[in-house]
């Protein structure tokens, strides 16, 4: 599963204040936005598969908090920690 699917993107406009960040990243074809998508897809692929649907849904609604959670997951995973998503 990918956070951002491979598809043709044609939008070259900058983000507007009212834009949903996920939608902006998903539709824009600027090279630096493409790089961000690639990095997020790579990180997302390392997130536990059984939790990816929930995180993807959160990315679409609240991009910043989902990004922060994914970033912390990758950061601590690379430090060698075992991460439990939504511990009881």
PDB file of N, CA and C in Angstrom:
ATOM      1  N   UNK A   1       0.835  -1.182   0.000  1.00  0.00           N
ATOM      2  CA  UNK A   1       0.000   0.000   0.000  1.00  0.00           C
ATOM      3  C   UNK A   1       0.880   1.245   0.000  1.00  0.00           C
ATOM      4  N   UNK A   2       0.457   2.235  -0.747  1.00  0.00           N
ATOM      5  CA  UNK A   2       1.177   3.503  -0.795  1.00  0.00           C
ATOM      6  C   UNK A   2       0.299   4.615  -0.237  1.00  0.00           C
ATOM      7  N   UNK A   3       0.936   5.603   0.333  1.00  0.00           N
ATOM      8  CA  UNK A   3       0.223   6.785   0.800  1.00  0.00           C
ATOM      9  C   UNK A   3      -0.216   7.630  -0.390  1.00  0.00           C
ATOM     10  N   UNK A   4       0.662   7.756  -1.381  1.00  0.00           N
ATOM     11  CA  UNK A   4       0.377   8.482  -2.621  1.00  0.00           C
ATOM     12  C   UNK A   4       0.580   7.530  -3.789  1.00  0.00           C
ATOM     13  N   UNK A   5      -0.479   7.258  -4.523  1.00  0.00           N
ATOM     14  CA  UNK A   5      -0.399   6.346  -5.661  1.00  0.00           C
ATOM     15  C   UNK A   5       0.363   6.977  -6.819  1.00  0.00           C
ATOM     16  N   UNK A   6       0.906   6.134  -7.683  1.00  0.00           N
ATOM     17  CA  UNK A   6       1.549   6.605  -8.908  1.00  0.00           C
ATOM     18  C   UNK A   6       0.459   6.982  -9.896  1.00  0.00           C
ATOM     19  N   UNK A   7       0.460   8.212 -10.316  1.00  0.00           N
ATOM     20  CA  UNK A   7      -0.513   8.688 -11.295  1.00  0.00           C
ATOM     21  C   UNK A   7       0.039   9.941 -11.951  1.00  0.00           C
ATOM     22  N   UNK A   8      -0.570  10.324 -13.048  1.00  0.00           N
ATOM     23  CA  UNK A   8      -0.152  11.542 -13.720  1.00  0.00           C
ATOM     24  C   UNK A   8      -0.666  12.743 -12.943  1.00  0.00           C
ATOM     25  N   UNK A   9       0.238  13.664 -12.674  1.00  0.00           N
ATOM     26  CA  UNK A   9      -0.107  14.886 -11.957  1.00  0.00           C
ATOM     27  C   UNK A   9       0.218  16.077 -12.847  1.00  0.00           C
ATOM     28  N   UNK A  10      -0.723  16.999 -12.932  1.00  0.00           N
ATOM     29  CA  UNK A  10      -0.545  18.122 -13.866  1.00  0.00           C
ATOM     30  C   UNK A  10      -0.563  19.488 -13.191  1.00  0.00           C
ATOM     31  N   UNK A  11      -0.925  19.561 -11.937  1.00  0.00           N
ATOM     32  CA  UNK A  11      -1.026  20.849 -11.248  1.00  0.00           C
ATOM     33  C   UNK A  11       0.360  21.395 -10.929  1.00  0.00           C
ATOM     34  N   UNK A  12       0.614  22.617 -11.331  1.00  0.00           N
ATOM     35  CA  UNK A  12       1.907  23.251 -11.054  1.00  0.00           C
ATOM     36  C   UNK A  12       1.766  24.462 -10.147  1.00  0.00           C
ATOM     37  N   UNK A  13       0.553  24.731  -9.708  1.00  0.00           N
ATOM     38  CA  UNK A  13       0.309  25.922  -8.892  1.00  0.00           C
ATOM     39  C   UNK A  13       0.786  25.712  -7.461  1.00  0.00           C
ATOM     40  N   UNK A  14       1.190  26.796  -6.803  1.00  0.00           N
ATOM     41  CA  UNK A  14       1.553  26.674  -5.389  1.00  0.00           C
ATOM     42  C   UNK A  14       0.308  26.416  -4.538  1.00  0.00           C
ATOM     43  N   UNK A  15       0.539  25.949  -3.360  1.00  0.00           N
ATOM     44  CA  UNK A  15      -0.554  25.687  -2.432  1.00  0.00           C
ATOM     45  C   UNK A  15      -1.204  26.999  -2.007  1.00  0.00           C
ATOM     46  N   UNK A  16      -2.516  26.934  -1.845  1.00  0.00           N
ATOM     47  CA  UNK A  16      -3.247  28.073  -1.306  1.00  0.00           C
ATOM     48  C   UNK A  16      -3.491  27.825   0.172  1.00  0.00           C
ATOM     49  N   UNK A  17      -3.797  28.863   0.895  1.00  0.00           N
ATOM     50  CA  UNK A  17      -4.011  28.751   2.338  1.00  0.00           C
ATOM     51  C   UNK A  17      -5.106  27.738   2.667  1.00  0.00           C
ATOM     52  N   UNK A  18      -6.143  27.683   1.859  1.00  0.00           N
ATOM     53  CA  UNK A  18      -7.289  26.819   2.159  1.00  0.00           C
ATOM     54  C   UNK A  18      -7.107  25.382   1.679  1.00  0.00           C
ATOM     55  N   UNK A  19      -6.023  25.089   0.974  1.00  0.00           N
ATOM     56  CA  UNK A  19      -5.798  23.743   0.453  1.00  0.00           C
ATOM     57  C   UNK A  19      -5.617  22.715   1.570  1.00  0.00           C
ATOM     58  N   UNK A  20      -6.217  21.566   1.385  1.00  0.00           N
ATOM     59  CA  UNK A  20      -5.927  20.415   2.211  1.00  0.00           C
ATOM     60  C   UNK A  20      -4.525  19.947   1.811  1.00  0.00           C
ATOM     61  N   UNK A  21      -3.629  19.807   2.771  1.00  0.00           N
ATOM     62  CA  UNK A  21      -2.229  19.490   2.444  1.00  0.00           C
ATOM     63  C   UNK A  21      -2.090  18.150   1.728  1.00  0.00           C
ATOM     64  N   UNK A  22      -2.821  17.145   2.166  1.00  0.00           N
ATOM     65  CA  UNK A  22      -2.734  15.847   1.495  1.00  0.00           C
ATOM     66  C   UNK A  22      -3.159  15.982   0.041  1.00  0.00           C
ATOM     67  N   UNK A  23      -4.282  16.639  -0.209  1.00  0.00           N
ATOM     68  CA  UNK A  23      -4.765  16.819  -1.577  1.00  0.00           C
ATOM     69  C   UNK A  23      -3.758  17.594  -2.429  1.00  0.00           C
ATOM     70  N   UNK A  24      -3.145  18.616  -1.835  1.00  0.00           N
ATOM     71  CA  UNK A  24      -2.139  19.385  -2.568  1.00  0.00           C
ATOM     72  C   UNK A  24      -0.958  18.504  -2.968  1.00  0.00           C
ATOM     73  N   UNK A  25      -0.413  17.758  -2.016  1.00  0.00           N
ATOM     74  CA  UNK A  25       0.726  16.883  -2.325  1.00  0.00           C
ATOM     75  C   UNK A  25       0.347  15.798  -3.329  1.00  0.00           C
ATOM     76  N   UNK A  26      -0.887  15.363  -3.281  1.00  0.00           N
ATOM     77  CA  UNK A  26      -1.336  14.298  -4.171  1.00  0.00           C
ATOM     78  C   UNK A  26      -1.565  14.774  -5.604  1.00  0.00           C
ATOM     79  N   UNK A  27      -1.845  16.039  -5.808  1.00  0.00           N
ATOM     80  CA  UNK A  27      -2.157  16.511  -7.161  1.00  0.00           C
ATOM     81  C   UNK A  27      -1.020  17.283  -7.831  1.00  0.00           C
ATOM     82  N   UNK A  28      -0.053  17.754  -7.064  1.00  0.00           N
ATOM     83  CA  UNK A  28       0.966  18.650  -7.600  1.00  0.00           C
ATOM     84  C   UNK A  28       2.115  17.893  -8.258  1.00  0.00           C
ATOM     85  N   UNK A  29       2.621  18.416  -9.367  1.00  0.00           N
ATOM     86  CA  UNK A  29       3.704  17.726 -10.078  1.00  0.00           C
ATOM     87  C   UNK A  29       5.050  18.437 -10.007  1.00  0.00           C
ATOM     88  N   UNK A  30       5.200  19.418  -9.128  1.00  0.00           N
ATOM     89  CA  UNK A  30       6.491  20.087  -8.996  1.00  0.00           C
ATOM     90  C   UNK A  30       7.529  19.094  -8.459  1.00  0.00           C
ATOM     91  N   UNK A  31       8.768  19.189  -8.945  1.00  0.00           N
ATOM     92  CA  UNK A  31       9.791  18.200  -8.549  1.00  0.00           C
ATOM     93  C   UNK A  31      10.008  18.109  -7.037  1.00  0.00           C
ATOM     94  N   UNK A  32      10.021  19.224  -6.328  1.00  0.00           N
ATOM     95  CA  UNK A  32      10.259  19.147  -4.880  1.00  0.00           C
ATOM     96  C   UNK A  32       9.069  18.509  -4.148  1.00  0.00           C
ATOM     97  N   UNK A  33       7.871  18.652  -4.675  1.00  0.00           N
ATOM     98  CA  UNK A  33       6.706  17.988  -4.090  1.00  0.00           C
ATOM     99  C   UNK A  33       6.772  16.486  -4.380  1.00  0.00           C
ATOM    100  N   UNK A  34       7.227  16.139  -5.561  1.00  0.00           N
ATOM    101  CA  UNK A  34       7.395  14.730  -5.918  1.00  0.00           C
ATOM    102  C   UNK A  34       8.385  14.055  -4.968  1.00  0.00           C
ATOM    103  N   UNK A  35       9.432  14.752  -4.625  1.00  0.00           N
ATOM    104  CA  UNK A  35      10.443  14.213  -3.696  1.00  0.00           C
ATOM    105  C   UNK A  35       9.831  13.968  -2.319  1.00  0.00           C
ATOM    106  N   UNK A  36       9.009  14.903  -1.860  1.00  0.00           N
ATOM    107  CA  UNK A  36       8.336  14.729  -0.569  1.00  0.00           C
ATOM    108  C   UNK A  36       7.434  13.501  -0.616  1.00  0.00           C
ATOM    109  N   UNK A  37       6.668  13.351  -1.695  1.00  0.00           N
ATOM    110  CA  UNK A  37       5.802  12.172  -1.846  1.00  0.00           C
ATOM    111  C   UNK A  37       6.611  10.885  -1.788  1.00  0.00           C
ATOM    112  N   UNK A  38       7.756  10.867  -2.484  1.00  0.00           N
ATOM    113  CA  UNK A  38       8.606   9.670  -2.489  1.00  0.00           C
ATOM    114  C   UNK A  38       9.095   9.324  -1.086  1.00  0.00           C
ATOM    115  N   UNK A  39       9.518  10.330  -0.341  1.00  0.00           N
ATOM    116  CA  UNK A  39       9.998  10.103   1.029  1.00  0.00           C
ATOM    117  C   UNK A  39       8.861   9.594   1.908  1.00  0.00           C
ATOM    118  N   UNK A  40       7.697  10.235   1.818  1.00  0.00           N
ATOM    119  CA  UNK A  40       6.565   9.809   2.641  1.00  0.00           C
ATOM    120  C   UNK A  40       6.109   8.401   2.270  1.00  0.00           C
ATOM    121  N   UNK A  41       6.127   8.069   0.990  1.00  0.00           N
ATOM    122  CA  UNK A  41       5.779   6.703   0.584  1.00  0.00           C
ATOM    123  C   UNK A  41       6.774   5.689   1.140  1.00  0.00           C
ATOM    124  N   UNK A  42       8.042   6.042   1.137  1.00  0.00           N
ATOM    125  CA  UNK A  42       9.064   5.147   1.687  1.00  0.00           C
ATOM    126  C   UNK A  42       8.837   4.938   3.178  1.00  0.00           C
ATOM    127  N   UNK A  43       8.635   6.014   3.916  1.00  0.00           N
ATOM    128  CA  UNK A  43       8.378   5.902   5.352  1.00  0.00           C
ATOM    129  C   UNK A  43       7.111   5.104   5.611  1.00  0.00           C
ATOM    130  N   UNK A  44       6.065   5.402   4.851  1.00  0.00           N
ATOM    131  CA  UNK A  44       4.776   4.740   5.038  1.00  0.00           C
ATOM    132  C   UNK A  44       4.898   3.232   4.813  1.00  0.00           C
ATOM    133  N   UNK A  45       5.747   2.827   3.885  1.00  0.00           N
ATOM    134  CA  UNK A  45       5.920   1.395   3.607  1.00  0.00           C
ATOM    135  C   UNK A  45       6.547   0.665   4.790  1.00  0.00           C
ATOM    136  N   UNK A  46       7.202   1.392   5.681  1.00  0.00           N
ATOM    137  CA  UNK A  46       7.844   0.793   6.852  1.00  0.00           C
ATOM    138  C   UNK A  46       6.913   0.768   8.071  1.00  0.00           C
ATOM    139  N   UNK A  47       5.803   1.448   7.971  1.00  0.00           N
ATOM    140  CA  UNK A  47       4.804   1.481   9.039  1.00  0.00           C
ATOM    141  C   UNK A  47       4.077   0.131   9.053  1.00  0.00           C
ATOM    142  N   UNK A  48       3.672  -0.378  10.219  1.00  0.00           N
ATOM    143  CA  UNK A  48       3.004  -1.696  10.264  1.00  0.00           C
ATOM    144  C   UNK A  48       1.794  -1.763   9.316  1.00  0.00           C
ATOM    145  N   UNK A  49       1.763  -2.809   8.516  1.00  0.00           N
ATOM    146  CA  UNK A  49       0.736  -2.949   7.479  1.00  0.00           C
ATOM    147  C   UNK A  49      -0.671  -2.906   8.055  1.00  0.00           C
ATOM    148  N   UNK A  50      -0.882  -3.530   9.199  1.00  0.00           N
ATOM    149  CA  UNK A  50      -2.228  -3.561   9.776  1.00  0.00           C
ATOM    150  C   UNK A  50      -2.677  -2.204  10.326  1.00  0.00           C
ATOM    151  N   UNK A  51      -1.787  -1.228  10.369  1.00  0.00           N
ATOM    152  CA  UNK A  51      -2.120   0.122  10.844  1.00  0.00           C
ATOM    153  C   UNK A  51      -2.124   1.159   9.724  1.00  0.00           C
ATOM    154  N   UNK A  52      -1.749   0.756   8.504  1.00  0.00           N
ATOM    155  CA  UNK A  52      -1.611   1.727   7.409  1.00  0.00           C
ATOM    156  C   UNK A  52      -2.928   2.373   6.998  1.00  0.00           C
ATOM    157  N   UNK A  53      -4.011   1.621   6.969  1.00  0.00           N
ATOM    158  CA  UNK A  53      -5.299   2.209   6.567  1.00  0.00           C
ATOM    159  C   UNK A  53      -5.697   3.358   7.484  1.00  0.00           C
ATOM    160  N   UNK A  54      -5.540   3.137   8.775  1.00  0.00           N
ATOM    161  CA  UNK A  54      -5.911   4.161   9.749  1.00  0.00           C
ATOM    162  C   UNK A  54      -5.025   5.399   9.593  1.00  0.00           C
ATOM    163  N   UNK A  55      -3.730   5.193   9.418  1.00  0.00           N
ATOM    164  CA  UNK A  55      -2.824   6.329   9.268  1.00  0.00           C
ATOM    165  C   UNK A  55      -3.098   7.078   7.967  1.00  0.00           C
ATOM    166  N   UNK A  56      -3.355   6.352   6.899  1.00  0.00           N
ATOM    167  CA  UNK A  56      -3.680   7.013   5.634  1.00  0.00           C
ATOM    168  C   UNK A  56      -4.929   7.886   5.779  1.00  0.00           C
ATOM    169  N   UNK A  57      -5.920   7.386   6.450  1.00  0.00           N
ATOM    170  CA  UNK A  57      -7.141   8.151   6.684  1.00  0.00           C
ATOM    171  C   UNK A  57      -6.847   9.421   7.473  1.00  0.00           C
ATOM    172  N   UNK A  58      -5.979   9.316   8.458  1.00  0.00           N
ATOM    173  CA  UNK A  58      -5.605  10.493   9.250  1.00  0.00           C
ATOM    174  C   UNK A  58      -4.794  11.488   8.428  1.00  0.00           C
ATOM    175  N   UNK A  59      -3.949  11.004   7.523  1.00  0.00           N
ATOM    176  CA  UNK A  59      -3.202  11.905   6.649  1.00  0.00           C
ATOM    177  C   UNK A  59      -4.163  12.771   5.841  1.00  0.00           C
ATOM    178  N   UNK A  60      -5.251  12.189   5.391  1.00  0.00           N
ATOM    179  CA  UNK A  60      -6.203  12.917   4.552  1.00  0.00           C
ATOM    180  C   UNK A  60      -7.006  13.942   5.337  1.00  0.00           C
ATOM    181  N   UNK A  61      -7.145  13.737   6.654  1.00  0.00           N
ATOM    182  CA  UNK A  61      -7.936  14.647   7.478  1.00  0.00           C
ATOM    183  C   UNK A  61      -7.090  15.636   8.265  1.00  0.00           C
ATOM    184  N   UNK A  62      -5.979  15.163   8.812  1.00  0.00           N
ATOM    185  CA  UNK A  62      -5.134  15.990   9.676  1.00  0.00           C
ATOM    186  C   UNK A  62      -3.669  15.704   9.347  1.00  0.00           C
ATOM    187  N   UNK A  63      -3.218  16.258   8.253  1.00  0.00           N
ATOM    188  CA  UNK A  63      -1.918  15.941   7.674  1.00  0.00           C
ATOM    189  C   UNK A  63      -0.778  16.108   8.678  1.00  0.00           C
ATOM    190  N   UNK A  64      -0.750  17.225   9.392  1.00  0.00           N
ATOM    191  CA  UNK A  64       0.392  17.521  10.259  1.00  0.00           C
ATOM    192  C   UNK A  64       0.564  16.506  11.383  1.00  0.00           C
ATOM    193  N   UNK A  65      -0.520  16.142  12.063  1.00  0.00           N
ATOM    194  CA  UNK A  65      -0.373  15.192  13.175  1.00  0.00           C
ATOM    195  C   UNK A  65      -0.002  13.800  12.671  1.00  0.00           C
ATOM    196  N   UNK A  66      -0.559  13.397  11.531  1.00  0.00           N
ATOM    197  CA  UNK A  66      -0.206  12.090  10.959  1.00  0.00           C
ATOM    198  C   UNK A  66       1.258  12.082  10.505  1.00  0.00           C
ATOM    199  N   UNK A  67       1.705  13.187   9.913  1.00  0.00           N
ATOM    200  CA  UNK A  67       3.104  13.295   9.498  1.00  0.00           C
ATOM    201  C   UNK A  67       4.027  13.200  10.708  1.00  0.00           C
ATOM    202  N   UNK A  68       3.682  13.879  11.773  1.00  0.00           N
ATOM    203  CA  UNK A  68       4.506  13.856  12.984  1.00  0.00           C
ATOM    204  C   UNK A  68       4.581  12.439  13.555  1.00  0.00           C
ATOM    205  N   UNK A  69       3.446  11.741  13.576  1.00  0.00           N
ATOM    206  CA  UNK A  69       3.451  10.365  14.074  1.00  0.00           C
ATOM    207  C   UNK A  69       4.323   9.466  13.209  1.00  0.00           C
ATOM    208  N   UNK A  70       4.211   9.604  11.897  1.00  0.00           N
ATOM    209  CA  UNK A  70       5.023   8.799  10.995  1.00  0.00           C
ATOM    210  C   UNK A  70       6.507   9.127  11.151  1.00  0.00           C
ATOM    211  N   UNK A  71       6.820  10.415  11.271  1.00  0.00           N
ATOM    212  CA  UNK A  71       8.210  10.841  11.460  1.00  0.00           C
ATOM    213  C   UNK A  71       8.790  10.232  12.744  1.00  0.00           C
ATOM    214  N   UNK A  72       8.037  10.310  13.840  1.00  0.00           N
ATOM    215  CA  UNK A  72       8.528   9.744  15.100  1.00  0.00           C
ATOM    216  C   UNK A  72       8.692   8.233  15.014  1.00  0.00           C
ATOM    217  N   UNK A  73       7.772   7.569  14.315  1.00  0.00           N
ATOM    218  CA  UNK A  73       7.888   6.127  14.126  1.00  0.00           C
ATOM    219  C   UNK A  73       9.204   5.791  13.408  1.00  0.00           C
ATOM    220  N   UNK A  74       9.489   6.490  12.332  1.00  0.00           N
ATOM    221  CA  UNK A  74      10.720   6.236  11.567  1.00  0.00           C
ATOM    222  C   UNK A  74      11.946   6.577  12.409  1.00  0.00           C
ATOM    223  N   UNK A  75      11.908   7.725  13.073  1.00  0.00           N
ATOM    224  CA  UNK A  75      13.042   8.179  13.892  1.00  0.00           C
ATOM    225  C   UNK A  75      13.401   7.146  14.953  1.00  0.00           C
ATOM    226  N   UNK A  76      12.409   6.735  15.739  1.00  0.00           N
ATOM    227  CA  UNK A  76      12.692   5.787  16.815  1.00  0.00           C
ATOM    228  C   UNK A  76      12.990   4.383  16.291  1.00  0.00           C
ATOM    229  N   UNK A  77      12.397   4.012  15.185  1.00  0.00           N
ATOM    230  CA  UNK A  77      12.716   2.721  14.574  1.00  0.00           C
ATOM    231  C   UNK A  77      14.175   2.674  14.146  1.00  0.00           C
ATOM    232  N   UNK A  78      14.659   3.769  13.566  1.00  0.00           N
ATOM    233  CA  UNK A  78      16.056   3.814  13.126  1.00  0.00           C
ATOM    234  C   UNK A  78      17.026   3.843  14.295  1.00  0.00           C
ATOM    235  N   UNK A  79      16.546   4.257  15.459  1.00  0.00           N
ATOM    236  CA  UNK A  79      17.377   4.205  16.667  1.00  0.00           C
ATOM    237  C   UNK A  79      17.376   2.814  17.299  1.00  0.00           C
ATOM    238  N   UNK A  80      16.554   1.913  16.756  1.00  0.00           N
ATOM    239  CA  UNK A  80      16.540   0.537  17.233  1.00  0.00           C
ATOM    240  C   UNK A  80      15.417   0.191  18.191  1.00  0.00           C
ATOM    241  N   UNK A  81      14.514   1.120  18.408  1.00  0.00           N
ATOM    242  CA  UNK A  81      13.391   0.853  19.306  1.00  0.00           C
ATOM    243  C   UNK A  81      12.329   0.009  18.615  1.00  0.00           C
ATOM    244  N   UNK A  82      11.648  -0.838  19.371  1.00  0.00           N
ATOM    245  CA  UNK A  82      10.478  -1.563  18.876  1.00  0.00           C
ATOM    246  C   UNK A  82       9.264  -0.702  19.203  1.00  0.00           C
ATOM    247  N   UNK A  83       8.512  -0.352  18.175  1.00  0.00           N
ATOM    248  CA  UNK A  83       7.385   0.557  18.341  1.00  0.00           C
ATOM    249  C   UNK A  83       6.086  -0.241  18.361  1.00  0.00           C
ATOM    250  N   UNK A  84       5.250   0.053  19.325  1.00  0.00           N
ATOM    251  CA  UNK A  84       3.905  -0.527  19.406  1.00  0.00           C
ATOM    252  C   UNK A  84       2.927   0.579  19.063  1.00  0.00           C
ATOM    253  N   UNK A  85       2.164   0.381  18.002  1.00  0.00           N
ATOM    254  CA  UNK A  85       1.179   1.362  17.576  1.00  0.00           C
ATOM    255  C   UNK A  85      -0.081   1.169  18.420  1.00  0.00           C
ATOM    256  N   UNK A  86      -0.574   2.239  19.005  1.00  0.00           N
ATOM    257  CA  UNK A  86      -1.791   2.212  19.849  1.00  0.00           C
ATOM    258  C   UNK A  86      -1.722   1.116  20.911  1.00  0.00           C
ATOM    259  N   UNK A  87      -0.747   1.214  21.829  1.00  0.00           N
ATOM    260  CA  UNK A  87      -0.653   0.193  22.876  1.00  0.00           C
ATOM    261  C   UNK A  87      -1.890   0.224  23.780  1.00  0.00           C
ATOM    262  N   UNK A  88      -2.194  -0.902  24.361  1.00  0.00           N
ATOM    263  CA  UNK A  88      -3.361  -1.014  25.259  1.00  0.00           C
ATOM    264  C   UNK A  88      -3.042  -0.364  26.589  1.00  0.00           C
TER     265      UNK A  88
END
